[in-house]
C-alpha atoms as a PDB file:
ATOM      1  CA  MET A   1      -7.802 -44.354  13.783  1.00  0.00           C
ATOM      2  CA  GLY A   2      -6.976 -44.535   9.956  1.00  0.00           C
ATOM      3  CA  SER A   3      -8.530 -47.269   8.032  1.00  0.00           C
ATOM      4  CA  LEU A   4     -10.771 -50.114   8.843  1.00  0.00           C
ATOM      5  CA  SER A   5      -9.359 -53.481   9.223  1.00  0.00           C
ATOM      6  CA  ILE A   6     -11.194 -56.428   7.777  1.00  0.00           C
ATOM      7  CA  TRP A   7     -12.881 -56.812  10.925  1.00  0.00           C
ATOM      8  CA  HIS A   8     -14.797 -54.221  11.002  1.00  0.00           C
ATOM      9  CA  TRP A   9     -16.120 -54.588   7.714  1.00  0.00           C
ATOM     10  CA  LEU A  10     -17.629 -58.011   8.780  1.00  0.00           C
ATOM     11  CA  ILE A  11     -18.805 -56.689  11.819  1.00  0.00           C
ATOM     12  CA  VAL A  12     -20.721 -53.868   9.504  1.00  0.00           C
ATOM     13  CA  LEU A  13     -21.929 -56.737   7.334  1.00  0.00           C
ATOM     14  CA  LEU A  14     -23.132 -58.819   9.856  1.00  0.00           C
ATOM     15  CA  VAL A  15     -25.109 -55.773  11.360  1.00  0.00           C
ATOM     16  CA  VAL A  16     -26.628 -55.187   8.025  1.00  0.00           C
ATOM     17  CA  VAL A  17     -27.781 -58.646   7.326  1.00  0.00           C
ATOM     18  CA  MET A  18     -29.430 -59.029  10.650  1.00  0.00           C
ATOM     19  CA  ILE A  19     -31.332 -55.493  10.128  1.00  0.00           C
ATOM     20  CA  PHE A  20     -32.343 -55.788   6.955  1.00  0.00           C
ATOM     21  CA  GLY A  21     -32.730 -59.784   6.155  1.00  0.00           C
ATOM     22  CA  THR A  22     -31.089 -61.603   3.164  1.00  0.00           C
ATOM     23  CA  LYS A  23     -34.220 -61.648   1.371  1.00  0.00           C
ATOM     24  CA  LYS A  24     -34.409 -57.749   1.350  1.00  0.00           C
ATOM     25  CA  LEU A  25     -30.584 -57.415   0.244  1.00  0.00           C
ATOM     26  CA  ARG A  26     -31.057 -59.237  -2.230  1.00  0.00           C
ATOM     27  CA  ASN A  27     -33.996 -57.810  -4.127  1.00  0.00           C
ATOM     28  CA  MET A  28     -32.471 -54.124  -3.395  1.00  0.00           C
ATOM     29  CA  GLY A  29     -29.284 -56.151  -5.159  1.00  0.00           C
ATOM     30  CA  SER A  30     -31.556 -57.140  -8.283  1.00  0.00           C
ATOM     31  CA  ASP A  31     -33.226 -53.546  -8.156  1.00  0.00           C
ATOM     32  CA  LEU A  32     -30.045 -51.901  -8.286  1.00  0.00           C
ATOM     33  CA  GLY A  33     -28.298 -53.840 -11.246  1.00  0.00           C
ATOM     34  CA  GLY A  34     -31.627 -53.287 -13.088  1.00  0.00           C
ATOM     35  CA  ALA A  35     -31.587 -49.827 -12.893  1.00  0.00           C
ATOM     36  CA  VAL A  36     -27.476 -49.889 -13.526  1.00  0.00           C
ATOM     37  CA  LYS A  37     -28.631 -51.861 -16.999  1.00  0.00           C
ATOM     38  CA  GLY A  38     -31.638 -49.383 -17.685  1.00  0.00           C
ATOM     39  CA  PHE A  39     -29.121 -46.615 -17.294  1.00  0.00           C
ATOM     40  CA  LYS A  40     -26.436 -48.014 -19.517  1.00  0.00           C
ATOM     41  CA  ASP A  41     -28.953 -48.793 -22.314  1.00  0.00           C
ATOM     42  CA  GLY A  42     -30.314 -45.485 -21.987  1.00  0.00           C
ATOM     43  CA  MET A  43     -27.117 -43.820 -22.239  1.00  0.00           C
ATOM     44  CA  LYS A  44     -26.158 -46.580 -25.346  1.00  0.00           C
ATOM     45  CA  ASP A  45     -28.992 -45.105 -27.289  1.00  0.00           C
ATOM     46  CA  GLY A  46     -29.064 -41.776 -26.707  1.00  0.00           C
ATOM     47  CA  SER A  47     -25.201 -41.332 -27.541  1.00  0.00           C
ATOM     48  CA  ALA A  48     -25.811 -43.193 -31.299  1.00  0.00           C
ATOM     49  CA  PRO A  49     -25.549 -40.879 -33.911  1.00  0.00           C
ATOM     50  CA  GLU A  50     -29.026 -40.576 -35.984  1.00  0.00           C
ATOM     51  CA  THR A  51     -28.734 -41.464 -39.537  1.00  0.00           C
ATOM     52  CA  PRO A  52     -31.000 -39.724 -41.870  1.00  0.00           C
ATOM     53  CA  ALA A  53     -33.690 -41.856 -43.519  1.00  0.00           C
ATOM     54  CA  ALA A  54     -33.209 -42.120 -47.308  1.00  0.00           C
ATOM     55  CA  PRO A  55     -35.788 -40.206 -49.140  1.00  0.00           C
ATOM     56  CA  ASN A  56     -38.289 -42.214 -51.382  1.00  0.00           C
ATOM     57  CA  PRO A  57     -37.833 -41.527 -55.152  1.00  0.00           C
ATOM     58  CA  GLN A  58     -41.060 -40.460 -56.685  1.00  0.00           C
ATOM     59  CA  VAL A  59     -41.405 -42.541 -59.777  1.00  0.00           C
ATOM     60  CA  SER A  60     -42.881 -40.092 -62.851  1.00  0.00           C
ATOM     61  CA  SER A  61     -44.603 -41.776 -65.694  1.00  0.00           C
ATOM     62  CA  ASN A  62     -43.998 -38.676 -67.649  1.00  0.00           C
ATOM     63  CA  ASN A  63     -40.515 -39.616 -69.301  1.00  0.00           C
ATOM     64  CA  SER A  64     -40.206 -35.836 -70.638  1.00  0.00           C
ATOM     65  CA  ALA A  65     -39.422 -34.922 -67.106  1.00  0.00           C
ATOM     66  CA  ASP A  66     -35.926 -32.749 -65.996  1.00  0.00           C
ATOM     67  CA  LYS A  67     -33.687 -35.417 -64.748  1.00  0.00           C
ATOM     68  CA  SER A  68     -31.752 -33.411 -62.403  1.00  0.00           C
ATOM     69  CA  THR A  69     -34.723 -31.817 -60.234  1.00  0.00           C
ATOM     70  CA  ILE A  70     -35.161 -33.782 -57.114  1.00  0.00           C
ATOM     71  CA  ASP A  71     -38.341 -34.134 -55.438  1.00  0.00           C
ATOM     72  CA  VAL A  72     -38.095 -34.395 -51.820  1.00  0.00           C
ATOM     73  CA  GLU A  73     -40.322 -33.661 -48.453  1.00  0.00           C
ATOM     74  CA  ALA A  74     -38.859 -31.495 -46.013  1.00  0.00           C
ATOM     75  CA  ARG A  75     -39.158 -32.870 -42.311  1.00  0.00           C
ATOM     76  CA  GLN A  76     -39.054 -31.411 -39.494  1.00  0.00           C
ATOM     77  CA  LYS A  77     -37.234 -32.052 -36.248  1.00  0.00           C
ATOM     78  CA  SER A  78     -38.797 -33.015 -33.008  1.00  0.00           C
END
């Protein structure tokens, strides 16, 4: 009573098809495929490192302003 032969698997497959029907099995397969695809997309989006947005430099019409000072706005992470 070790491993199952091909005949055991074919009988199990036949019983499953008889119970659920081919249309319901096809719908379950497409739903499962969509769920796996959504999970992979979610994992890909979550693992990508976020690149910080470049701050917009503020242009001043005053030429006498100190060139070494950078005026930026701090952002909070949410």
